[in-house]
Every structure is written in C-alpha cells, then in structure tokens.
PDB file of all heavy atoms in Angstrom:
ATOM      1  N   ALA A   1      13.381   9.557 -57.923  1.00  0.00           N
ATOM      2  CA  ALA A   1      13.389  10.333 -59.166  1.00  0.00           C
ATOM      3  C   ALA A   1      12.435   9.728 -60.186  1.00  0.00           C
ATOM      4  O   ALA A   1      11.732  10.455 -60.909  1.00  0.00           O
ATOM      5  CB  ALA A   1      14.797  10.405 -59.738  1.00  0.00           C
ATOM      6  N   THR A   2      12.392   8.411 -60.281  1.00  0.00           N
ATOM      7  CA  THR A   2      11.499   7.738 -61.221  1.00  0.00           C
ATOM      8  C   THR A   2      10.048   8.123 -60.939  1.00  0.00           C
ATOM      9  O   THR A   2       9.280   8.446 -61.855  1.00  0.00           O
ATOM     10  CB  THR A   2      11.658   6.212 -61.131  1.00  0.00           C
ATOM     11  OG1 THR A   2      13.012   5.860 -61.444  1.00  0.00           O
ATOM     12  CG2 THR A   2      10.720   5.508 -62.102  1.00  0.00           C
ATOM     13  N   TYR A   3       9.690   8.082 -59.672  1.00  0.00           N
ATOM     14  CA  TYR A   3       8.321   8.465 -59.301  1.00  0.00           C
ATOM     15  C   TYR A   3       8.082   9.947 -59.551  1.00  0.00           C
ATOM     16  O   TYR A   3       7.071  10.330 -60.143  1.00  0.00           O
ATOM     17  CB  TYR A   3       8.082   8.139 -57.825  1.00  0.00           C
ATOM     18  CG  TYR A   3       6.754   8.654 -57.305  1.00  0.00           C
ATOM     19  CD1 TYR A   3       5.573   7.975 -57.581  1.00  0.00           C
ATOM     20  CD2 TYR A   3       6.690   9.825 -56.557  1.00  0.00           C
ATOM     21  CE1 TYR A   3       4.353   8.456 -57.127  1.00  0.00           C
ATOM     22  CE2 TYR A   3       5.473  10.309 -56.090  1.00  0.00           C
ATOM     23  CZ  TYR A   3       4.316   9.619 -56.370  1.00  0.00           C
ATOM     24  OH  TYR A   3       3.116  10.106 -55.925  1.00  0.00           O
ATOM     25  N   LEU A   4       9.015  10.778 -59.118  1.00  0.00           N
ATOM     26  CA  LEU A   4       8.842  12.229 -59.228  1.00  0.00           C
ATOM     27  C   LEU A   4       8.720  12.672 -60.681  1.00  0.00           C
ATOM     28  O   LEU A   4       7.861  13.500 -61.026  1.00  0.00           O
ATOM     29  CB  LEU A   4      10.026  12.937 -58.567  1.00  0.00           C
ATOM     30  CG  LEU A   4       9.977  14.462 -58.511  1.00  0.00           C
ATOM     31  CD1 LEU A   4       8.834  14.915 -57.617  1.00  0.00           C
ATOM     32  CD2 LEU A   4      11.302  15.022 -58.007  1.00  0.00           C
ATOM     33  N   MET A   5       9.568  12.138 -61.555  1.00  0.00           N
ATOM     34  CA  MET A   5       9.579  12.544 -62.957  1.00  0.00           C
ATOM     35  C   MET A   5       8.257  12.225 -63.660  1.00  0.00           C
ATOM     36  O   MET A   5       7.775  13.009 -64.487  1.00  0.00           O
ATOM     37  CB  MET A   5      10.731  11.851 -63.702  1.00  0.00           C
ATOM     38  CG  MET A   5      12.117  12.341 -63.324  1.00  0.00           C
ATOM     39  SD  MET A   5      13.410  11.618 -64.372  1.00  0.00           S
ATOM     40  CE  MET A   5      13.268   9.874 -63.975  1.00  0.00           C
ATOM     41  N   THR A   6       7.689  11.081 -63.338  1.00  0.00           N
ATOM     42  CA  THR A   6       6.509  10.633 -64.078  1.00  0.00           C
ATOM     43  C   THR A   6       5.202  11.020 -63.394  1.00  0.00           C
ATOM     44  O   THR A   6       4.156  11.106 -64.042  1.00  0.00           O
ATOM     45  CB  THR A   6       6.538   9.105 -64.268  1.00  0.00           C
ATOM     46  OG1 THR A   6       6.712   8.471 -62.985  1.00  0.00           O
ATOM     47  CG2 THR A   6       7.712   8.712 -65.154  1.00  0.00           C
ATOM     48  N   PHE A   7       5.257  11.274 -62.089  1.00  0.00           N
ATOM     49  CA  PHE A   7       4.063  11.681 -61.355  1.00  0.00           C
ATOM     50  C   PHE A   7       3.766  13.168 -61.518  1.00  0.00           C
ATOM     51  O   PHE A   7       2.609  13.585 -61.650  1.00  0.00           O
ATOM     52  CB  PHE A   7       4.239  11.360 -59.865  1.00  0.00           C
ATOM     53  CG  PHE A   7       3.288  12.106 -58.964  1.00  0.00           C
ATOM     54  CD1 PHE A   7       2.005  11.636 -58.748  1.00  0.00           C
ATOM     55  CD2 PHE A   7       3.691  13.271 -58.322  1.00  0.00           C
ATOM     56  CE1 PHE A   7       1.122  12.330 -57.923  1.00  0.00           C
ATOM     57  CE2 PHE A   7       2.825  13.967 -57.497  1.00  0.00           C
ATOM     58  CZ  PHE A   7       1.537  13.492 -57.292  1.00  0.00           C
ATOM     59  N   SER A   8       4.819  13.987 -61.526  1.00  0.00           N
ATOM     60  CA  SER A   8       4.655  15.443 -61.439  1.00  0.00           C
ATOM     61  C   SER A   8       3.846  16.037 -62.583  1.00  0.00           C
ATOM     62  O   SER A   8       3.097  17.002 -62.384  1.00  0.00           O
ATOM     63  CB  SER A   8       6.029  16.121 -61.385  1.00  0.00           C
ATOM     64  OG  SER A   8       6.712  15.774 -60.206  1.00  0.00           O
ATOM     65  N   THR A   9       3.983  15.485 -63.779  1.00  0.00           N
ATOM     66  CA  THR A   9       3.335  16.102 -64.943  1.00  0.00           C
ATOM     67  C   THR A   9       1.813  16.163 -64.820  1.00  0.00           C
ATOM     68  O   THR A   9       1.182  17.027 -65.415  1.00  0.00           O
ATOM     69  CB  THR A   9       3.697  15.361 -66.236  1.00  0.00           C
ATOM     70  OG1 THR A   9       3.312  13.988 -66.114  1.00  0.00           O
ATOM     71  CG2 THR A   9       5.198  15.443 -66.495  1.00  0.00           C
ATOM     72  N   ARG A  10       1.212  15.245 -64.038  1.00  0.00           N
ATOM     73  CA  ARG A  10      -0.246  15.221 -63.983  1.00  0.00           C
ATOM     74  C   ARG A  10      -0.781  15.698 -62.635  1.00  0.00           C
ATOM     75  O   ARG A  10      -1.950  15.478 -62.311  1.00  0.00           O
ATOM     76  CB  ARG A  10      -0.794  13.824 -64.307  1.00  0.00           C
ATOM     77  CG  ARG A  10      -0.096  12.640 -63.766  1.00  0.00           C
ATOM     78  CD  ARG A  10      -0.378  12.180 -62.378  1.00  0.00           C
ATOM     79  NE  ARG A  10      -1.702  12.415 -61.918  1.00  0.00           N
ATOM     80  CZ  ARG A  10      -1.988  12.865 -60.722  1.00  0.00           C
ATOM     81  NH1 ARG A  10      -1.021  13.165 -59.882  1.00  0.00           N
ATOM     82  NH2 ARG A  10      -3.213  13.040 -60.317  1.00  0.00           N
ATOM     83  N   VAL A  11       0.042  16.399 -61.863  1.00  0.00           N
ATOM     84  CA  VAL A  11      -0.420  16.909 -60.573  1.00  0.00           C
ATOM     85  C   VAL A  11      -1.641  17.806 -60.734  1.00  0.00           C
ATOM     86  O   VAL A  11      -2.614  17.699 -59.980  1.00  0.00           O
ATOM     87  CB  VAL A  11       0.711  17.690 -59.862  1.00  0.00           C
ATOM     88  CG1 VAL A  11       0.167  18.439 -58.660  1.00  0.00           C
ATOM     89  CG2 VAL A  11       1.819  16.740 -59.433  1.00  0.00           C
ATOM     90  N   PHE A  12      -1.598  18.703 -61.733  1.00  0.00           N
ATOM     91  CA  PHE A  12      -2.697  19.652 -61.924  1.00  0.00           C
ATOM     92  C   PHE A  12      -3.654  19.191 -63.016  1.00  0.00           C
ATOM     93  O   PHE A  12      -4.331  20.008 -63.651  1.00  0.00           O
ATOM     94  CB  PHE A  12      -2.137  21.035 -62.235  1.00  0.00           C
ATOM     95  CG  PHE A  12      -1.277  21.571 -61.116  1.00  0.00           C
ATOM     96  CD1 PHE A  12       0.099  21.686 -61.279  1.00  0.00           C
ATOM     97  CD2 PHE A  12      -1.832  21.914 -59.898  1.00  0.00           C
ATOM     98  CE1 PHE A  12       0.889  22.158 -60.246  1.00  0.00           C
ATOM     99  CE2 PHE A  12      -1.051  22.390 -58.859  1.00  0.00           C
ATOM    100  CZ  PHE A  12       0.321  22.512 -59.029  1.00  0.00           C
ATOM    101  N   ALA A  13      -3.699  17.883 -63.208  1.00  0.00           N
ATOM    102  CA  ALA A  13      -4.697  17.287 -64.091  1.00  0.00           C
ATOM    103  C   ALA A  13      -5.351  16.132 -63.353  1.00  0.00           C
ATOM    104  O   ALA A  13      -5.580  15.061 -63.901  1.00  0.00           O
ATOM    105  CB  ALA A  13      -4.055  16.808 -65.388  1.00  0.00           C
ATOM    106  N   SER A  14      -5.623  16.373 -62.084  1.00  0.00           N
ATOM    107  CA  SER A  14      -6.213  15.352 -61.221  1.00  0.00           C
ATOM    108  C   SER A  14      -7.321  15.967 -60.387  1.00  0.00           C
ATOM    109  O   SER A  14      -7.144  17.054 -59.816  1.00  0.00           O
ATOM    110  CB  SER A  14      -5.148  14.747 -60.302  1.00  0.00           C
ATOM    111  OG  SER A  14      -5.750  13.972 -59.276  1.00  0.00           O
ATOM    112  N   PRO A  15      -8.461  15.308 -60.268  1.00  0.00           N
ATOM    113  CA  PRO A  15      -9.552  15.832 -59.440  1.00  0.00           C
ATOM    114  C   PRO A  15      -9.176  15.968 -57.974  1.00  0.00           C
ATOM    115  O   PRO A  15      -9.860  16.652 -57.209  1.00  0.00           O
ATOM    116  CB  PRO A  15     -10.660  14.774 -59.620  1.00  0.00           C
ATOM    117  CG  PRO A  15     -10.322  14.073 -60.894  1.00  0.00           C
ATOM    118  CD  PRO A  15      -8.826  14.066 -60.961  1.00  0.00           C
ATOM    119  N   LEU A  16      -8.072  15.311 -57.565  1.00  0.00           N
ATOM    120  CA  LEU A  16      -7.665  15.332 -56.159  1.00  0.00           C
ATOM    121  C   LEU A  16      -6.782  16.526 -55.816  1.00  0.00           C
ATOM    122  O   LEU A  16      -6.432  16.721 -54.654  1.00  0.00           O
ATOM    123  CB  LEU A  16      -6.909  14.034 -55.820  1.00  0.00           C
ATOM    124  CG  LEU A  16      -7.685  12.728 -56.029  1.00  0.00           C
ATOM    125  CD1 LEU A  16      -6.798  11.536 -55.731  1.00  0.00           C
ATOM    126  CD2 LEU A  16      -8.933  12.711 -55.155  1.00  0.00           C
ATOM    127  N   THR A  17      -6.395  17.341 -56.816  1.00  0.00           N
ATOM    128  CA  THR A  17      -5.516  18.490 -56.579  1.00  0.00           C
ATOM    129  C   THR A  17      -6.354  19.744 -56.386  1.00  0.00           C
ATOM    130  O   THR A  17      -6.955  20.260 -57.332  1.00  0.00           O
ATOM    131  CB  THR A  17      -4.536  18.678 -57.748  1.00  0.00           C
ATOM    132  OG1 THR A  17      -3.811  17.464 -57.959  1.00  0.00           O
ATOM    133  CG2 THR A  17      -3.557  19.806 -57.439  1.00  0.00           C
ATOM    134  N   ALA A  18      -6.362  20.255 -55.168  1.00  0.00           N
ATOM    135  CA  ALA A  18      -7.229  21.394 -54.838  1.00  0.00           C
ATOM    136  C   ALA A  18      -6.843  22.654 -55.604  1.00  0.00           C
ATOM    137  O   ALA A  18      -7.720  23.400 -56.069  1.00  0.00           O
ATOM    138  CB  ALA A  18      -7.164  21.660 -53.330  1.00  0.00           C
ATOM    139  N   ALA A  19      -5.530  22.910 -55.743  1.00  0.00           N
ATOM    140  CA  ALA A  19      -5.081  24.147 -56.398  1.00  0.00           C
ATOM    141  C   ALA A  19      -5.556  24.235 -57.842  1.00  0.00           C
ATOM    142  O   ALA A  19      -5.732  25.334 -58.377  1.00  0.00           O
ATOM    143  CB  ALA A  19      -3.559  24.244 -56.340  1.00  0.00           C
ATOM    144  N   MET A  20      -5.768  23.088 -58.475  1.00  0.00           N
ATOM    145  CA  MET A  20      -6.202  23.073 -59.873  1.00  0.00           C
ATOM    146  C   MET A  20      -7.534  23.799 -60.048  1.00  0.00           C
ATOM    147  O   MET A  20      -7.770  24.463 -61.064  1.00  0.00           O
ATOM    148  CB  MET A  20      -6.329  21.636 -60.369  1.00  0.00           C
ATOM    149  CG  MET A  20      -6.828  21.483 -61.796  1.00  0.00           C
ATOM    150  SD  MET A  20      -7.277  19.780 -62.153  1.00  0.00           S
ATOM    151  CE  MET A  20      -8.687  19.554 -61.064  1.00  0.00           C
ATOM    152  N   TYR A  21      -8.412  23.710 -59.056  1.00  0.00           N
ATOM    153  CA  TYR A  21      -9.732  24.322 -59.160  1.00  0.00           C
ATOM    154  C   TYR A  21      -9.646  25.848 -59.156  1.00  0.00           C
ATOM    155  O   TYR A  21     -10.553  26.519 -59.664  1.00  0.00           O
ATOM    156  CB  TYR A  21     -10.630  23.817 -58.027  1.00  0.00           C
ATOM    157  CG  TYR A  21     -10.939  22.342 -58.149  1.00  0.00           C
ATOM    158  CD1 TYR A  21     -10.189  21.397 -57.445  1.00  0.00           C
ATOM    159  CD2 TYR A  21     -11.948  21.890 -58.991  1.00  0.00           C
ATOM    160  CE1 TYR A  21     -10.456  20.043 -57.568  1.00  0.00           C
ATOM    161  CE2 TYR A  21     -12.224  20.532 -59.121  1.00  0.00           C
ATOM    162  CZ  TYR A  21     -11.475  19.619 -58.411  1.00  0.00           C
ATOM    163  OH  TYR A  21     -11.725  18.277 -58.555  1.00  0.00           O
ATOM    164  N   VAL A  22      -8.564  26.381 -58.579  1.00  0.00           N
ATOM    165  CA  VAL A  22      -8.334  27.827 -58.654  1.00  0.00           C
ATOM    166  C   VAL A  22      -8.146  28.226 -60.110  1.00  0.00           C
ATOM    167  O   VAL A  22      -8.736  29.194 -60.601  1.00  0.00           O
ATOM    168  CB  VAL A  22      -7.104  28.233 -57.817  1.00  0.00           C
ATOM    169  CG1 VAL A  22      -6.818  29.723 -57.986  1.00  0.00           C
ATOM    170  CG2 VAL A  22      -7.319  27.894 -56.350  1.00  0.00           C
ATOM    171  N   GLY A  23      -7.306  27.472 -60.816  1.00  0.00           N
ATOM    172  CA  GLY A  23      -7.064  27.748 -62.223  1.00  0.00           C
ATOM    173  C   GLY A  23      -8.310  27.567 -63.074  1.00  0.00           C
ATOM    174  O   GLY A  23      -8.590  28.378 -63.965  1.00  0.00           O
ATOM    175  N   LEU A  24      -9.079  26.517 -62.796  1.00  0.00           N
ATOM    176  CA  LEU A  24     -10.309  26.276 -63.558  1.00  0.00           C
ATOM    177  C   LEU A  24     -11.294  27.424 -63.387  1.00  0.00           C
ATOM    178  O   LEU A  24     -11.935  27.860 -64.345  1.00  0.00           O
ATOM    179  CB  LEU A  24     -10.948  24.959 -63.104  1.00  0.00           C
ATOM    180  CG  LEU A  24     -10.200  23.672 -63.450  1.00  0.00           C
ATOM    181  CD1 LEU A  24     -10.912  22.469 -62.842  1.00  0.00           C
ATOM    182  CD2 LEU A  24     -10.059  23.494 -64.955  1.00  0.00           C
ATOM    183  N   GLY A  25     -11.396  27.917 -62.147  1.00  0.00           N
ATOM    184  CA  GLY A  25     -12.298  29.031 -61.891  1.00  0.00           C
ATOM    185  C   GLY A  25     -11.863  30.298 -62.597  1.00  0.00           C
ATOM    186  O   GLY A  25     -12.685  31.021 -63.166  1.00  0.00           O
ATOM    187  N   LEU A  26     -10.562  30.566 -62.599  1.00  0.00           N
ATOM    188  CA  LEU A  26     -10.046  31.771 -63.250  1.00  0.00           C
ATOM    189  C   LEU A  26     -10.225  31.706 -64.766  1.00  0.00           C
ATOM    190  O   LEU A  26     -10.521  32.712 -65.414  1.00  0.00           O
ATOM    191  CB  LEU A  26      -8.569  31.959 -62.912  1.00  0.00           C
ATOM    192  CG  LEU A  26      -8.241  32.336 -61.460  1.00  0.00           C
ATOM    193  CD1 LEU A  26      -6.747  32.259 -61.216  1.00  0.00           C
ATOM    194  CD2 LEU A  26      -8.749  33.742 -61.154  1.00  0.00           C
TER     195      LEU A  26
END
C-alpha cells in the first residue's frame, strides 16, 4: 500500500508510460 499510494499519482507523468502519449497527442 505504501508503494501503491505514492507511486500511482505519477504514473501518467512519466516518459516511460506509453498511454500518456495518447493523451498528449489528443
């Protein structure tokens, strides 16, 4: 839970997250 709570917020603010580029393109 400690990892999940603090890691999750920046999932879509990372160059390593592919899905984020869908949002950037849109």
